[in-house]
Amino acid sequence: MERIVIVGAGQAAQSLAAKLRALGHAGPITLIGEEPVPPYQRPPLSKAYLLGEMERERLYLRPESWYDEQDIALLTGTPVTAIDRAARTVAASGREIPYDRLALTTGAVPRRLPAAIGGDLAGVYTVRTLADVDAMAPEFAAGRRVLIVGGGYIGLEAAAVARKKGLEVTLVEAAPRILARVACTETAAWFAALHRAHGVDLREGVTLERLTGEAGRVTGAALAGGETVTADFVIVGIGVVPDTRLAEAAGLAIDNGIAVGEFCRASDPLIWAAGDCASFPWRGRRVRLESVGNAIDMGEAAAANMLGQSTPYVAKPWFWSDQYDVKLQIAGLSTGYDRVVTRGDPEAGQGAPVSFWYYAGAELLAVDAINDPRAYMVGKRLIEAGKSPHPEAVADTGTELKALL
């Protein structure tokens, strides 16, 4: 009958709470979220929801009635301001909520442009929460001009939505190419060509000096080299940072997120962490994964270990991105690759399947599969099994994908 409190109400939190009940925990569960809505899916925010193709209620991971049915106290619109580890309480909206075991699923927060360069002007948005997207949605009217700062997946997805809705889009990326931190040159070049073919004014290796505005609202930007661009609004997609504020103030160990061990336990034996906010040991190094799959699997692993199991969390990284009518599926982590093998013809056009396979020496690390679900599934199975097909067999489209297994 131990009291379990979960701070943060995203995908990891919902998965953790559901798993606690599924594993038979009969004690009180309190799930506390800062946002005024129940846990919801974030990936559709920058795609189907922003396009108007998905209703708000369809974003919810479970209907609100589910929490009552599961006897889970869901506190929405309730910011947690402090953790008292000695008293075993969390402070939230003037209340002290006691716990016997605590889970932190606080997620991540978007990086913002400094106020000194115009980041605080009206009409400057980030894409992280339902409120963020609701606030920017009225801006998406055909013929308007949007400036997107950052060529990661969030920026590219926002660009695709804007073009589909008839906006003029300028995207600036300070690095020499888009997707510089997360994908190989081949994948980046494929998506740069895709966006340019759809009319995006995509500028790589271009630094934003400052946003310009009138009467407190953004009107454009000054770029390095003296060039200026006009914009009716701006979307900033320059990455996120793990939300470790509560954990740090409580004195927990921090290492690119809340540092947890193989059982998702933080440096306090009564506290666990899962999802975007947590870093964990993986193949001899410490990693933090920002993905739905990791949030679900890590949340469920944390739940099991909170109830006394000793089940190491073994991550199986996978990601995806939808842009226009293109689906990118990623299996594995490409960090440390020294060679990329291409399967298919990158010049064959938007609808043709192509995949890029990352190797470190003879070891297969990751696969970027574009409109190629078979390559993704085979690559994912190979990586999870620790198998590495010969690069020449991968590159030869005459080789059946199943044969690689």
Protein backbone atom coordinates (compact mmCIF):
# COMPACT_ATOMS: atom_id res chain seq x y z
CA MET A 1 0.00 0.00 0.00
CA GLU A 2 2.96 2.33 -0.46
CA ARG A 3 2.13 5.81 -1.75
CA ILE A 4 3.64 6.44 -5.18
CA VAL A 5 3.81 9.95 -6.57
CA ILE A 6 4.70 10.65 -10.21
CA VAL A 7 5.84 14.19 -11.07
CA GLY A 8 5.36 15.08 -14.73
CA ALA A 9 2.38 14.03 -16.83
CA GLY A 10 3.65 13.00 -20.25
CA GLN A 11 4.09 9.70 -22.08
CA ALA A 12 6.56 8.24 -19.56
CA ALA A 13 4.28 9.14 -16.64
CA GLN A 14 1.19 7.59 -18.17
CA SER A 15 3.08 4.41 -19.10
CA LEU A 16 4.57 4.19 -15.62
CA ALA A 17 1.22 4.65 -13.87
CA ALA A 18 -0.53 2.11 -16.10
CA LYS A 19 2.23 -0.44 -15.52
CA LEU A 20 2.07 0.00 -11.75
CA ARG A 21 -1.60 -0.98 -11.80
CA ALA A 22 -1.03 -3.78 -14.33
CA LEU A 23 1.63 -5.28 -12.04
CA GLY A 24 -0.76 -5.25 -9.12
CA HIS A 25 0.18 -2.19 -7.10
CA ALA A 26 -2.90 -1.48 -5.00
CA GLY A 27 -1.62 1.54 -3.11
CA PRO A 28 -2.32 5.21 -3.85
CA ILE A 29 -0.90 6.65 -7.08
CA THR A 30 -0.82 10.41 -7.60
CA LEU A 31 0.14 11.75 -11.03
CA ILE A 32 0.94 15.47 -11.05
CA GLY A 33 1.18 17.56 -14.23
CA GLU A 34 1.85 21.23 -14.76
CA GLU A 35 -0.27 21.44 -17.90
CA PRO A 36 -4.07 21.73 -17.52
CA VAL A 37 -4.75 18.58 -19.59
CA PRO A 38 -4.24 14.83 -19.06
CA PRO A 39 -1.16 13.11 -20.53
CA TYR A 40 -1.12 13.37 -24.32
CA GLN A 41 0.92 12.48 -27.40
CA ARG A 42 3.50 15.10 -28.39
CA PRO A 43 4.60 13.90 -31.87
CA PRO A 44 1.32 14.82 -33.61
CA LEU A 45 1.53 18.39 -32.29
CA SER A 46 3.90 19.49 -35.04
CA LYS A 47 2.17 17.36 -37.69
CA ALA A 48 -1.46 16.18 -37.73
CA TYR A 49 -2.69 18.42 -34.91
CA LEU A 50 -1.12 21.56 -36.33
CA LEU A 51 -2.56 20.67 -39.74
CA GLY A 52 -6.00 20.44 -38.18
CA GLU A 53 -6.28 16.74 -39.01
CA MET A 54 -6.48 15.53 -35.39
CA GLU A 55 -8.89 16.57 -32.66
CA ARG A 56 -7.55 17.52 -29.25
CA GLU A 57 -9.22 14.54 -27.51
CA ARG A 58 -7.45 12.14 -29.87
CA LEU A 59 -4.14 13.40 -28.52
CA TYR A 60 -4.96 12.13 -25.03
CA LEU A 61 -3.18 8.88 -24.21
CA ARG A 62 -6.19 7.75 -22.17
CA PRO A 63 -9.62 9.32 -21.67
CA GLU A 64 -9.91 11.26 -18.43
CA SER A 65 -12.31 8.65 -17.08
CA TRP A 66 -9.53 6.02 -17.22
CA TYR A 67 -7.68 7.62 -14.31
CA ASP A 68 -10.78 7.37 -12.11
CA GLU A 69 -11.32 3.78 -13.19
CA GLN A 70 -7.72 2.95 -12.25
CA ASP A 71 -7.97 4.88 -8.97
CA ILE A 72 -5.16 7.22 -10.04
CA ALA A 73 -5.34 10.73 -8.62
CA LEU A 74 -4.58 12.94 -11.64
CA LEU A 75 -3.68 16.50 -10.66
CA THR A 76 -3.48 18.72 -13.75
CA GLY A 77 -2.53 22.38 -13.82
CA THR A 78 -0.47 21.72 -10.69
CA PRO A 79 3.19 22.79 -10.83
CA VAL A 80 5.50 20.98 -8.40
CA THR A 81 7.89 23.49 -6.85
CA ALA A 82 10.06 21.39 -4.53
CA ILE A 83 10.96 17.91 -3.34
CA ASP A 84 11.70 17.40 0.36
CA ARG A 85 13.64 14.16 0.41
CA ALA A 86 13.93 14.07 4.20
CA ALA A 87 10.20 14.54 4.77
CA ARG A 88 9.33 12.51 1.64
CA THR A 89 6.96 15.12 0.28
CA VAL A 90 6.56 17.20 -2.85
CA ALA A 91 5.27 20.77 -2.74
CA ALA A 92 2.54 21.46 -5.30
CA SER A 93 0.15 24.41 -5.43
CA GLY A 94 0.39 25.07 -1.72
CA ARG A 95 0.05 21.41 -0.73
CA GLU A 96 2.57 18.98 0.69
CA ILE A 97 1.94 15.62 -0.95
CA PRO A 98 3.61 12.68 0.83
CA TYR A 99 5.26 9.77 -0.95
CA ASP A 100 6.87 6.48 -0.11
CA ARG A 101 8.33 6.20 -3.60
CA LEU A 102 8.71 8.99 -6.13
CA ALA A 103 9.04 8.94 -9.92
CA LEU A 104 10.30 11.93 -11.88
CA THR A 105 9.08 12.10 -15.49
CA THR A 106 9.57 15.82 -16.00
CA GLY A 107 10.51 15.63 -19.68
CA ALA A 108 12.42 18.36 -21.44
CA VAL A 109 12.04 22.06 -22.16
CA PRO A 110 12.79 23.80 -25.47
CA ARG A 111 15.79 26.02 -25.93
CA ARG A 112 14.72 29.61 -26.55
CA LEU A 113 16.38 32.55 -28.24
CA PRO A 114 17.78 35.07 -25.76
CA ALA A 115 15.70 38.18 -25.11
CA ALA A 116 18.76 40.22 -26.09
CA ILE A 117 18.30 39.16 -29.72
CA GLY A 118 14.52 39.37 -29.78
CA GLY A 119 13.54 36.01 -28.38
CA ASP A 120 10.88 37.62 -26.17
CA LEU A 121 9.01 39.37 -29.01
CA ALA A 122 5.37 38.48 -29.61
CA GLY A 123 4.98 36.11 -32.54
CA VAL A 124 8.01 33.96 -31.58
CA TYR A 125 7.05 30.37 -30.79
CA THR A 126 8.49 27.04 -29.73
CA VAL A 127 6.90 23.64 -30.40
CA ARG A 128 6.69 21.54 -27.25
CA THR A 129 3.31 21.72 -25.56
CA LEU A 130 -0.33 21.69 -26.58
CA ALA A 131 -0.53 25.33 -25.47
CA ASP A 132 2.42 26.21 -27.73
CA VAL A 133 0.68 24.79 -30.78
CA ASP A 134 -2.71 26.22 -29.91
CA ALA A 135 -1.10 29.65 -29.59
CA MET A 136 0.61 29.51 -32.99
CA ALA A 137 -2.18 27.79 -34.96
CA PRO A 138 -3.97 31.05 -35.93
CA GLU A 139 -0.73 32.26 -37.55
CA PHE A 140 -0.91 29.50 -40.18
CA ALA A 141 -2.87 31.30 -42.88
CA ALA A 142 -2.06 30.91 -46.57
CA GLY A 143 0.21 33.61 -47.94
CA ARG A 144 1.77 34.55 -44.61
CA ARG A 145 5.54 34.38 -44.07
CA VAL A 146 7.16 32.27 -41.39
CA LEU A 147 10.83 32.16 -40.41
CA ILE A 148 11.95 28.86 -38.88
CA VAL A 149 15.16 28.93 -36.86
CA GLY A 150 16.79 25.50 -36.67
CA GLY A 151 17.05 22.62 -39.11
CA GLY A 152 16.35 19.71 -36.80
CA TYR A 153 13.32 17.45 -37.06
CA ILE A 154 10.97 19.87 -35.26
CA GLY A 155 11.93 22.73 -37.59
CA LEU A 156 11.61 20.57 -40.69
CA GLU A 157 8.22 19.19 -39.63
CA ALA A 158 6.96 22.71 -38.96
CA ALA A 159 8.24 23.78 -42.39
CA ALA A 160 6.36 20.93 -44.05
CA VAL A 161 3.11 21.85 -42.29
CA ALA A 162 3.54 25.52 -43.20
CA ARG A 163 4.08 24.74 -46.89
CA LYS A 164 1.09 22.37 -46.95
CA LYS A 165 -1.01 25.23 -45.58
CA GLY A 166 0.28 27.64 -48.24
CA LEU A 167 2.71 29.76 -46.22
CA GLU A 168 5.99 31.18 -47.48
CA VAL A 169 8.76 29.49 -45.49
CA THR A 170 12.33 30.53 -44.82
CA LEU A 171 14.39 28.13 -42.71
CA VAL A 172 17.84 29.06 -41.41
CA GLU A 173 20.32 26.60 -39.93
CA ALA A 174 23.56 27.87 -38.41
CA ALA A 175 25.41 24.59 -38.96
CA PRO A 176 26.81 23.78 -42.39
CA ARG A 177 23.82 21.47 -42.99
CA ILE A 178 20.47 20.53 -41.51
CA LEU A 179 20.20 17.55 -39.11
CA ALA A 180 23.87 17.98 -38.26
CA ARG A 181 23.59 16.47 -34.77
CA VAL A 182 21.30 13.57 -35.56
CA ALA A 183 21.81 12.29 -39.11
CA CYS A 184 24.46 11.62 -41.75
CA THR A 185 25.20 13.89 -44.68
CA GLU A 186 23.25 11.59 -47.01
CA THR A 187 20.02 11.77 -44.99
CA ALA A 188 20.39 15.53 -44.54
CA ALA A 189 20.94 16.08 -48.26
CA TRP A 190 17.86 13.99 -49.09
CA PHE A 191 15.63 16.06 -46.82
CA ALA A 192 17.16 19.37 -47.89
CA ALA A 193 16.30 18.50 -51.50
CA LEU A 194 12.78 17.47 -50.44
CA HIS A 195 12.09 20.79 -48.72
CA ARG A 196 13.54 22.86 -51.55
CA ALA A 197 11.37 20.92 -54.01
CA HIS A 198 8.37 21.96 -51.92
CA GLY A 199 9.35 25.61 -52.07
CA VAL A 200 11.10 26.11 -48.74
CA ASP A 201 13.82 28.78 -48.82
CA LEU A 202 16.28 26.61 -46.90
CA ARG A 203 19.54 28.29 -45.90
CA GLU A 204 22.30 26.21 -44.36
CA GLY A 205 25.37 27.67 -42.69
CA VAL A 206 23.47 30.89 -42.03
CA THR A 207 23.55 32.46 -38.57
CA LEU A 208 20.71 34.46 -37.08
CA GLU A 209 22.05 37.70 -35.59
CA ARG A 210 18.81 39.02 -34.15
CA LEU A 211 15.08 39.19 -34.64
CA THR A 212 13.61 42.55 -35.51
CA GLY A 213 10.26 43.92 -34.43
CA GLU A 214 7.83 46.79 -34.17
CA ALA A 215 5.63 47.62 -31.17
CA GLY A 216 6.84 44.47 -29.40
CA ARG A 217 6.01 42.04 -32.23
CA VAL A 218 8.46 40.29 -34.52
CA THR A 219 8.64 41.52 -38.11
CA GLY A 220 11.72 39.74 -39.42
CA ALA A 221 15.35 38.95 -38.78
CA ALA A 222 18.87 40.15 -39.45
CA LEU A 223 21.20 37.41 -40.62
CA ALA A 224 24.98 37.25 -40.53
CA GLY A 225 26.46 39.08 -43.48
CA GLY A 226 23.92 41.87 -43.40
CA GLU A 227 21.00 40.16 -45.09
CA THR A 228 17.49 40.62 -43.69
CA VAL A 229 14.32 38.58 -44.04
CA THR A 230 10.74 39.57 -43.27
CA ALA A 231 8.41 37.33 -41.28
CA ASP A 232 4.91 37.47 -39.87
CA PHE A 233 5.95 35.02 -37.16
CA VAL A 234 8.90 32.85 -36.11
CA ILE A 235 9.21 29.25 -34.97
CA VAL A 236 12.31 28.34 -32.97
CA GLY A 237 13.41 24.71 -33.17
CA ILE A 238 16.93 24.63 -31.72
CA GLY A 239 16.62 21.60 -29.49
CA VAL A 240 15.57 20.84 -25.93
CA VAL A 241 17.26 20.38 -22.58
CA PRO A 242 16.21 17.86 -19.92
CA ASP A 243 14.03 19.40 -17.22
CA THR A 244 16.16 18.69 -14.17
CA ARG A 245 15.26 21.77 -12.14
CA LEU A 246 13.40 19.93 -9.37
CA ALA A 247 15.93 17.11 -9.23
CA GLU A 248 18.87 19.50 -9.11
CA ALA A 249 17.32 21.58 -6.32
CA ALA A 250 16.70 18.36 -4.38
CA GLY A 251 20.37 17.39 -4.66
CA LEU A 252 20.02 14.43 -7.00
CA ALA A 253 22.92 13.48 -9.28
CA ILE A 254 22.69 15.15 -12.70
CA ASP A 255 24.57 14.04 -15.83
CA ASN A 256 22.91 15.22 -19.06
CA GLY A 257 19.64 14.63 -17.26
CA ILE A 258 18.71 12.97 -14.00
CA ALA A 259 21.35 10.26 -13.69
CA VAL A 260 19.82 6.83 -13.09
CA GLY A 261 21.31 3.36 -12.89
CA GLU A 262 20.37 0.26 -14.80
CA PHE A 263 17.13 -0.09 -12.81
CA CYS A 264 16.03 3.53 -13.46
CA ARG A 265 16.78 4.48 -9.85
CA ALA A 266 18.21 7.95 -9.17
CA SER A 267 20.86 8.76 -6.57
CA ASP A 268 18.16 8.69 -3.85
CA PRO A 269 17.01 5.07 -3.27
CA LEU A 270 13.37 6.17 -3.05
CA ILE A 271 13.36 8.09 -6.34
CA TRP A 272 13.25 6.81 -9.93
CA ALA A 273 13.28 8.73 -13.23
CA ALA A 274 12.20 7.93 -16.79
CA GLY A 275 11.77 9.51 -20.21
CA ASP A 276 13.35 12.61 -21.73
CA CYS A 277 14.60 13.88 -18.36
CA ALA A 278 16.69 10.81 -17.49
CA SER A 279 20.11 9.61 -18.62
CA PHE A 280 21.02 5.95 -18.20
CA PRO A 281 23.89 3.51 -18.89
CA TRP A 282 23.82 2.00 -22.38
CA ARG A 283 26.56 -0.06 -24.04
CA GLY A 284 29.34 1.32 -21.88
CA ARG A 285 28.28 4.96 -21.96
CA ARG A 286 25.56 7.20 -20.61
CA VAL A 287 22.78 8.29 -22.97
CA ARG A 288 19.51 10.19 -22.90
CA LEU A 289 16.86 9.45 -25.52
CA GLU A 290 14.13 11.85 -26.61
CA SER A 291 11.58 9.48 -28.09
CA VAL A 292 8.16 7.97 -27.53
CA GLY A 293 9.58 4.46 -27.48
CA ASN A 294 12.06 5.28 -24.75
CA ALA A 295 9.41 7.07 -22.67
CA ILE A 296 7.09 4.05 -22.82
CA ASP A 297 9.70 1.37 -22.23
CA MET A 298 11.62 3.25 -19.56
CA GLY A 299 8.43 4.22 -17.76
CA GLU A 300 7.34 0.59 -17.64
CA ALA A 301 10.80 -0.55 -16.49
CA ALA A 302 10.81 2.06 -13.73
CA ALA A 303 7.36 0.87 -12.57
CA ALA A 304 8.52 -2.73 -12.32
CA ASN A 305 11.61 -1.78 -10.37
CA MET A 306 9.68 0.53 -8.06
CA LEU A 307 7.66 -2.54 -7.08
CA GLY A 308 10.76 -4.54 -6.16
CA GLN A 309 11.79 -6.21 -9.41
CA SER A 310 15.41 -6.00 -10.48
CA THR A 311 14.96 -5.75 -14.23
CA PRO A 312 17.68 -3.77 -16.03
CA TYR A 313 16.39 -1.28 -18.55
CA VAL A 314 17.73 -2.24 -21.99
CA ALA A 315 16.94 0.51 -24.49
CA LYS A 316 15.97 -0.32 -28.07
CA PRO A 317 16.22 3.11 -29.71
CA TRP A 318 13.81 3.97 -32.52
CA PHE A 319 12.46 7.26 -33.84
CA TRP A 320 10.37 8.62 -36.69
CA SER A 321 9.53 11.82 -38.53
CA ASP A 322 6.71 12.65 -40.97
CA GLN A 323 7.34 15.44 -43.50
CA TYR A 324 4.93 16.06 -46.41
CA ASP A 325 4.04 12.54 -47.56
CA VAL A 326 7.40 11.11 -46.51
CA LYS A 327 7.96 8.86 -43.51
CA LEU A 328 11.44 8.57 -42.01
CA GLN A 329 11.96 5.68 -39.58
CA ILE A 330 15.18 5.36 -37.60
CA ALA A 331 16.45 2.29 -35.78
CA GLY A 332 19.45 2.38 -33.44
CA LEU A 333 21.83 5.19 -32.49
CA SER A 334 24.34 6.39 -35.07
CA THR A 335 26.83 7.95 -32.63
CA GLY A 336 30.38 6.94 -33.55
CA TYR A 337 29.74 5.82 -37.12
CA ASP A 338 32.58 5.98 -39.66
CA ARG A 339 30.79 4.78 -42.79
CA VAL A 340 27.36 5.10 -44.36
CA VAL A 341 26.04 2.52 -46.83
CA THR A 342 23.22 3.56 -49.17
CA ARG A 343 20.55 1.10 -50.25
CA GLY A 344 18.40 2.34 -53.12
CA ASP A 345 18.68 5.41 -55.32
CA PRO A 346 18.55 8.75 -53.43
CA GLU A 347 17.85 10.51 -56.76
CA ALA A 348 14.83 8.39 -57.59
CA GLY A 349 12.33 10.86 -56.20
CA GLN A 350 10.21 11.51 -53.14
CA GLY A 351 8.18 8.30 -53.25
CA ALA A 352 11.03 5.86 -53.90
CA PRO A 353 12.33 3.88 -50.92
CA VAL A 354 15.91 4.54 -49.84
CA SER A 355 17.82 3.75 -46.67
CA PHE A 356 21.14 4.75 -45.12
CA TRP A 357 22.95 2.23 -42.94
CA TYR A 358 25.48 3.46 -40.35
CA TYR A 359 28.55 1.37 -39.56
CA ALA A 360 31.43 1.67 -37.11
CA GLY A 361 33.98 -0.60 -38.68
CA ALA A 362 32.08 -3.83 -39.35
CA GLU A 363 29.35 -3.13 -36.75
CA LEU A 364 25.91 -1.93 -37.82
CA LEU A 365 24.81 0.91 -35.53
CA ALA A 366 21.69 2.44 -37.05
CA VAL A 367 19.44 2.67 -40.10
CA ASP A 368 17.62 5.69 -41.56
CA ALA A 369 14.78 4.28 -43.68
CA ILE A 370 12.89 6.71 -45.93
CA ASN A 371 9.58 5.36 -47.25
CA ASP A 372 11.03 1.92 -46.60
CA PRO A 373 9.37 0.17 -43.65
CA ARG A 374 10.96 -3.16 -44.57
CA ALA A 375 14.47 -1.74 -44.30
CA TYR A 376 13.53 -0.23 -40.96
CA MET A 377 12.11 -3.47 -39.54
CA VAL A 378 15.02 -5.60 -40.76
CA GLY A 379 17.56 -3.05 -39.55
CA LYS A 380 15.90 -2.82 -36.15
CA ARG A 381 15.90 -6.61 -35.73
CA LEU A 382 19.54 -6.85 -36.78
CA ILE A 383 20.65 -4.11 -34.37
CA GLU A 384 18.70 -5.54 -31.44
CA ALA A 385 20.16 -8.98 -32.13
CA GLY A 386 23.69 -7.58 -32.39
CA LYS A 387 24.06 -8.78 -35.98
CA SER A 388 25.87 -6.84 -38.72
CA PRO A 389 25.39 -7.84 -42.35
CA HIS A 390 28.22 -7.18 -44.78
CA PRO A 391 27.94 -3.64 -46.18
CA GLU A 392 28.14 -4.89 -49.75
CA ALA A 393 25.10 -7.14 -49.21
CA VAL A 394 23.19 -4.16 -47.78
CA ALA A 395 24.05 -1.93 -50.73
CA ASP A 396 23.05 -4.55 -53.30
CA THR A 397 19.32 -4.07 -53.89
CA GLY A 398 19.31 -7.48 -55.47
CA THR A 399 19.81 -8.91 -52.00
CA GLU A 400 16.48 -9.64 -50.31
CA LEU A 401 16.20 -7.69 -47.07
CA LYS A 402 15.03 -10.79 -45.22
CA ALA A 403 18.19 -12.56 -46.31
CA LEU A 404 20.19 -10.08 -44.23
CA LEU A 405 18.68 -11.62 -41.11
